Protein backbone atom coordinates (compact mmCIF):
# COMPACT_ATOMS: atom_id res chain seq x y z
CA MET A 1 16.55 38.25 -48.04
CA THR A 2 14.77 37.70 -51.61
CA HIS A 3 14.75 34.06 -52.84
CA PRO A 4 12.75 32.45 -55.47
CA ASP A 5 8.87 30.81 -54.83
CA ILE A 6 9.10 27.31 -53.71
CA VAL A 7 6.20 25.90 -56.45
CA PRO A 8 5.60 22.24 -56.32
CA ARG A 9 5.63 20.68 -60.25
CA GLU A 10 4.04 17.75 -60.21
CA LYS A 11 2.42 15.19 -62.65
CA LEU A 12 5.31 15.29 -64.67
CA SER A 13 6.53 12.87 -67.20
CA PHE A 14 9.96 11.89 -68.11
CA GLY A 15 9.43 9.41 -70.36
CA PHE A 16 10.39 6.20 -68.29
CA ASP A 17 7.42 4.17 -69.96
CA HIS A 18 10.01 3.77 -72.87
CA GLU A 19 13.04 1.59 -72.02
CA VAL A 20 16.12 4.12 -70.41
CA PRO A 21 19.43 2.57 -71.61
CA LYS A 22 20.86 0.37 -68.76
CA TYR A 23 24.07 2.70 -68.60
CA TRP A 24 22.33 6.14 -69.96
CA LEU A 25 25.40 8.02 -68.96
CA GLY A 26 27.73 7.82 -71.69
CA GLY A 27 27.64 3.82 -71.56
CA ASP A 28 29.41 4.34 -68.39
CA PRO A 29 29.00 1.62 -65.87
CA PHE A 30 30.48 3.25 -63.03
CA LYS A 31 29.12 6.71 -63.56
CA THR A 32 25.98 5.52 -64.46
CA ARG A 33 25.08 3.32 -61.40
CA PHE A 34 26.81 6.14 -59.20
CA CYS A 35 23.52 8.02 -60.17
CA ASP A 36 21.90 5.27 -59.76
CA ALA A 37 22.87 4.55 -56.32
CA MET A 38 21.85 8.50 -55.06
CA SER A 39 18.55 7.68 -57.24
CA THR A 40 17.75 4.42 -54.61
CA ILE A 41 18.61 6.68 -51.41
CA PHE A 42 16.30 9.42 -52.82
CA PRO A 43 12.84 8.23 -51.60
CA GLU A 44 13.22 7.16 -48.11
CA GLY A 45 15.90 10.15 -47.48
CA GLU A 46 12.55 12.56 -48.92
CA ARG A 47 10.23 11.06 -46.70
CA PHE A 48 13.55 11.20 -43.90
CA PHE A 49 13.47 15.02 -44.73
CA ILE A 50 9.65 15.13 -44.31
CA SER A 51 9.22 13.96 -40.99
CA CYS A 52 12.26 15.60 -39.48
CA VAL A 53 10.35 19.05 -40.26
CA ARG A 54 7.40 18.07 -39.40
CA ASP A 55 8.59 17.16 -35.74
CA PHE A 56 8.71 21.28 -35.65
CA ARG A 57 5.71 22.72 -37.66
CA ASP A 58 3.44 22.82 -34.75
CA GLN A 59 6.18 25.44 -33.30
CA VAL A 60 6.26 27.56 -36.08
CA THR A 61 3.79 31.05 -35.72
CA ASP A 62 5.25 32.98 -38.86
CA PRO A 63 2.49 32.02 -41.24
CA GLN A 64 5.32 32.56 -44.13
CA LEU A 65 8.01 29.54 -43.37
CA LEU A 66 4.63 27.53 -42.55
CA ALA A 67 3.46 28.02 -46.52
CA GLU A 68 6.92 27.22 -47.41
CA ILE A 69 6.78 23.98 -45.16
CA LYS A 70 3.51 22.67 -47.10
CA ASP A 71 5.27 23.32 -50.13
CA PHE A 72 8.60 21.90 -49.52
CA ILE A 73 6.62 18.99 -48.15
CA ARG A 74 4.88 18.75 -51.29
CA GLN A 75 8.31 18.98 -53.72
CA GLU A 76 10.29 17.03 -51.33
CA GLY A 77 6.96 14.27 -51.94
CA GLN A 78 7.40 14.53 -55.61
CA HIS A 79 11.08 13.94 -55.79
CA GLY A 80 10.29 10.82 -53.71
CA ILE A 81 7.60 9.70 -56.35
CA VAL A 82 9.58 10.10 -59.57
CA HIS A 83 12.83 8.44 -58.07
CA SER A 84 10.24 5.28 -56.92
CA GLN A 85 9.18 5.44 -60.52
CA PHE A 86 12.70 5.01 -61.88
CA ASN A 87 13.93 2.31 -59.47
CA ALA A 88 11.81 0.06 -60.96
CA HIS A 89 13.54 0.20 -64.23
CA LEU A 90 16.40 -0.62 -61.67
CA ALA A 91 14.71 -3.54 -60.44
CA LYS A 92 13.63 -4.39 -63.63
CA GLN A 93 17.51 -4.82 -64.68
CA GLY A 94 18.32 -7.17 -61.84
CA ILE A 95 19.50 -4.40 -59.11
CA ARG A 96 18.38 -5.45 -55.50
CA VAL A 97 16.35 -1.97 -55.21
CA ALA A 98 13.80 -3.42 -51.97
CA ARG A 99 16.91 -4.02 -50.36
CA LEU A 100 18.91 -0.91 -50.66
CA GLU A 101 15.81 1.35 -49.91
CA GLY A 102 15.59 -1.39 -46.82
CA ILE A 103 18.49 -0.71 -45.80
CA MET A 104 17.85 3.17 -46.06
CA LYS A 105 14.91 2.99 -44.18
CA TRP A 106 16.51 0.94 -41.33
CA TRP A 107 19.48 3.74 -41.29
CA LEU A 108 17.33 6.62 -40.91
CA PHE A 109 14.16 5.19 -39.33
CA ASP A 110 15.25 2.44 -37.23
CA VAL A 111 18.55 4.07 -36.06
CA LEU A 112 18.37 8.10 -36.52
CA ARG A 113 15.11 9.02 -35.93
CA LYS A 114 14.61 6.22 -33.01
CA TYR A 115 17.97 7.17 -30.97
CA MET A 116 18.85 10.42 -32.16
CA PRO A 117 17.41 13.67 -30.68
CA LYS A 118 14.93 15.67 -33.38
CA LYS A 119 16.90 18.76 -33.16
CA HIS A 120 20.08 16.37 -34.58
CA THR A 121 17.87 15.11 -37.07
CA LEU A 122 16.61 18.24 -38.22
CA ALA A 123 19.84 19.42 -38.61
CA LEU A 124 20.54 16.66 -40.74
CA THR A 125 17.74 17.12 -42.69
CA ALA A 126 19.08 21.08 -43.13
CA ALA A 127 22.64 19.48 -43.93
CA SER A 128 20.95 17.37 -46.37
CA GLU A 129 19.13 19.84 -48.32
CA HIS A 130 22.68 21.92 -48.33
CA LEU A 131 24.19 18.87 -50.54
CA THR A 132 21.22 19.01 -52.77
CA ALA A 133 20.52 22.26 -53.28
CA ILE A 134 24.54 22.47 -54.81
CA MET A 135 23.73 19.46 -56.89
CA ALA A 136 22.99 22.15 -59.65
CA GLU A 137 26.09 23.32 -59.45
CA ALA A 138 28.16 20.54 -59.44
CA LEU A 139 25.96 18.17 -62.22
CA PHE A 140 25.03 20.79 -64.55
CA THR A 141 27.10 23.87 -64.75
CA ARG A 142 29.55 21.87 -67.27
CA LYS A 143 28.80 19.91 -69.75
CA ALA A 144 31.72 17.28 -68.39
CA VAL A 145 30.13 15.84 -65.57
CA MET A 146 26.67 15.02 -66.75
CA GLY A 147 27.06 15.67 -70.45
CA GLU A 148 26.66 12.48 -71.93
CA ALA A 149 23.63 11.21 -69.58
CA ASP A 150 20.28 10.24 -71.54
CA PRO A 151 18.16 13.31 -72.32
CA ARG A 152 15.36 11.88 -69.64
CA MET A 153 17.90 11.32 -66.86
CA PHE A 154 19.87 14.52 -67.73
CA ALA A 155 15.95 15.79 -67.27
CA MET A 156 15.36 14.30 -64.23
CA TYR A 157 18.41 15.41 -61.92
CA ALA A 158 18.07 18.81 -63.51
CA TRP A 159 14.36 19.29 -62.10
CA HIS A 160 15.09 17.73 -58.92
CA ALA A 161 18.42 20.00 -58.18
CA MET A 162 16.74 23.44 -59.23
CA GLU A 163 13.42 22.52 -57.05
CA GLU A 164 16.35 21.75 -54.25
CA MET A 165 17.25 25.26 -55.15
CA GLU A 166 13.92 27.03 -54.57
CA HIS A 167 13.15 24.95 -50.99
CA LYS A 168 17.05 25.15 -49.73
CA ALA A 169 16.74 27.53 -46.88
CA VAL A 170 13.25 25.54 -45.38
CA ALA A 171 15.08 23.40 -42.67
CA PHE A 172 17.26 25.50 -42.37
CA ASP A 173 15.33 28.06 -41.09
CA VAL A 174 12.97 26.05 -39.45
CA MET A 175 16.40 25.13 -37.65
CA GLN A 176 17.69 28.24 -36.76
CA LYS A 177 14.30 29.63 -36.03
CA VAL A 178 12.14 27.53 -34.01
CA ALA A 179 14.37 24.12 -32.81
CA LYS A 180 17.13 26.54 -31.85
CA VAL A 181 19.83 24.02 -32.83
CA TRP A 182 23.45 25.63 -31.91
CA TYR A 183 26.39 26.14 -34.10
CA PRO A 184 28.67 23.23 -33.29
CA ARG A 185 25.43 20.55 -33.82
CA ARG A 186 24.83 21.94 -37.14
CA VAL A 187 28.23 21.94 -38.40
CA LEU A 188 28.74 18.11 -36.92
CA ALA A 189 25.32 17.23 -38.71
CA LEU A 190 27.12 18.51 -41.81
CA VAL A 191 29.92 16.50 -41.31
CA GLU A 192 28.01 13.40 -40.58
CA THR A 193 25.67 13.83 -43.66
CA THR A 194 28.76 13.75 -45.77
CA LEU A 195 30.49 11.22 -44.69
CA ALA A 196 27.05 8.99 -44.74
CA PHE A 197 26.50 10.00 -48.07
CA ASN A 198 29.56 9.38 -49.89
CA PHE A 199 29.98 5.79 -48.16
CA ASN A 200 26.15 4.91 -48.85
CA VAL A 201 26.14 6.23 -52.09
CA LEU A 202 29.92 4.53 -53.48
CA SER A 203 28.91 1.33 -51.28
CA PHE A 204 25.58 0.83 -53.19
CA ALA A 205 27.23 1.90 -56.53
CA ASN A 206 29.31 -1.11 -55.83
CA ALA A 207 25.94 -3.50 -54.61
CA MET A 208 24.66 -2.96 -58.31
CA LEU A 209 28.13 -3.47 -60.32
CA ARG A 210 28.22 -6.58 -58.30
CA ARG A 211 24.73 -7.77 -59.43
CA ASP A 212 25.38 -6.52 -62.79
CA GLY A 213 28.58 -9.24 -62.99
CA PHE A 214 31.80 -7.24 -62.45
CA SER A 215 34.32 -9.11 -60.73
CA ARG A 216 36.00 -7.40 -58.18
CA TRP A 217 39.09 -6.56 -59.87
CA GLN A 218 36.68 -5.38 -62.71
CA ARG A 219 35.33 -3.14 -60.23
CA VAL A 220 38.05 -1.56 -58.73
CA LYS A 221 39.41 -0.60 -61.75
CA LEU A 222 35.93 0.73 -62.70
CA PHE A 223 36.15 2.83 -59.09
CA ALA A 224 39.62 3.88 -59.87
CA LYS A 225 38.57 5.29 -63.30
CA GLY A 226 35.49 7.10 -62.29
CA MET A 227 36.76 8.43 -58.33
CA GLY A 228 38.20 11.11 -61.02
CA TRP A 229 34.81 12.31 -61.72
CA VAL A 230 33.30 11.99 -58.66
CA TYR A 231 36.15 13.65 -56.37
CA GLY A 232 39.27 15.07 -58.91
CA PRO A 233 40.30 18.11 -60.54
CA GLY A 234 37.08 19.07 -62.52
CA GLY A 235 34.94 16.29 -61.62
CA MET A 236 31.41 16.25 -59.92
CA PHE A 237 32.08 17.34 -56.12
CA MET A 238 35.33 20.32 -56.73
CA GLY A 239 32.94 22.84 -59.06
CA CYS A 240 30.84 23.10 -55.76
CA TRP A 241 33.02 23.31 -53.16
CA ARG A 242 33.68 26.76 -52.13
CA SER A 243 29.10 26.27 -51.95
CA TYR A 244 30.03 23.66 -50.00
CA LEU A 245 32.51 25.28 -47.47
CA ARG A 246 30.31 27.68 -46.64
CA TYR A 247 27.96 26.27 -44.59
CA TYR A 248 30.68 26.18 -41.97
CA LYS A 249 30.50 30.11 -41.75
CA PRO A 250 29.09 30.94 -37.96
CA GLY A 251 26.67 33.40 -39.85
CA PHE A 252 25.65 31.01 -43.15
CA HIS A 253 22.17 31.15 -44.11
CA PRO A 254 21.01 29.50 -47.34
CA TRP A 255 20.19 32.87 -49.22
CA GLN A 256 23.48 34.66 -48.95
CA GLU A 257 23.80 32.73 -52.35
CA PRO A 258 21.76 33.32 -55.18
CA PRO A 259 20.56 30.12 -57.31
CA THR A 260 23.18 28.98 -59.85
CA PRO A 261 22.57 31.14 -63.51
CA MET A 262 21.47 28.05 -64.51
CA TYR A 263 18.16 27.82 -62.33
CA GLN A 264 16.93 30.64 -64.18
CA VAL A 265 17.58 29.02 -67.56
CA TRP A 266 15.96 25.73 -66.46
CA VAL A 267 12.56 27.89 -65.00
CA ASP A 268 12.10 29.85 -68.35
CA ALA A 269 12.22 26.33 -70.22
CA PHE A 270 10.15 25.36 -68.41
CA ASN A 271 7.50 27.40 -67.82
CA ARG A 272 7.69 28.14 -71.64
CA SER A 273 7.44 24.24 -72.40
CA GLY A 274 6.16 22.62 -69.03
CA ASP A 275 7.95 19.88 -70.03
CA PRO A 276 11.04 19.11 -68.10
CA VAL A 277 12.94 17.01 -70.55
CA GLU A 278 12.67 20.24 -72.93
CA ALA A 279 13.89 22.23 -69.69
CA GLY A 280 16.59 19.56 -69.58
CA ARG A 281 17.98 20.34 -73.07
CA VAL A 282 17.80 23.80 -72.59
CA VAL A 283 20.13 23.43 -69.42
CA TYR A 284 22.39 21.10 -71.30
CA ALA A 285 22.68 23.39 -74.39
CA ALA A 286 23.77 26.43 -71.99
CA ALA A 287 26.49 24.43 -69.91
CA VAL A 288 30.05 25.00 -70.64
């Protein structure tokens, strides 16, 4: 199956040296902190994914897959670096970033990596890569989801999502071809990952809003209004539910689905300008 090349793009600047508005997504505290919560889970999450794929790298004999693993590691490493740079701005706002990242480190490395079989943590990685790969479809196809974002933040998440589409099959291929993970474990891993992702992001967003000074009742109202943006008709996740469910098919492979058209829009714009913020602007203009 033909697919895009994995292209590590390093030393990118998103303009975080200038202050990003506290509520950078349309001035909405819930939407902003939901996305900020995703950013706080990514640095340790990316390190976890790299570790779980490395567990099986010595067993890989296919030169192409070995090259893809190398580029996968480089891309994921950059994602962790950039999100850490933004998370430093959250810390300046009073968000307890170190505490939130510490929770993720404890869960991923002191629990999952310590007590779960390596095949299972690899299956969790492949499932997580499926979720992050459909971010491009979830976040950037329709302006209704991220259209009011600060251009720098829009650009950061667009870059992350498009690169996830390039390496979306790497962990899956290692899982299937090398670790020989059977179908029930693969499916169970996606169920676990889906539940864990939503629980962690929502609980971290709640912690951030509490830190911002919102009372319990104010947070209830923010969540009641914001949950439609995440899960409701026309919301973030409803736009990619078909892609999500295809992972449960026994014969599924990530490259059965081509990248979203927004991928080529972003790549062409980035290759012309070399600027991820400009590429983000072009994606915004192309969204409906």
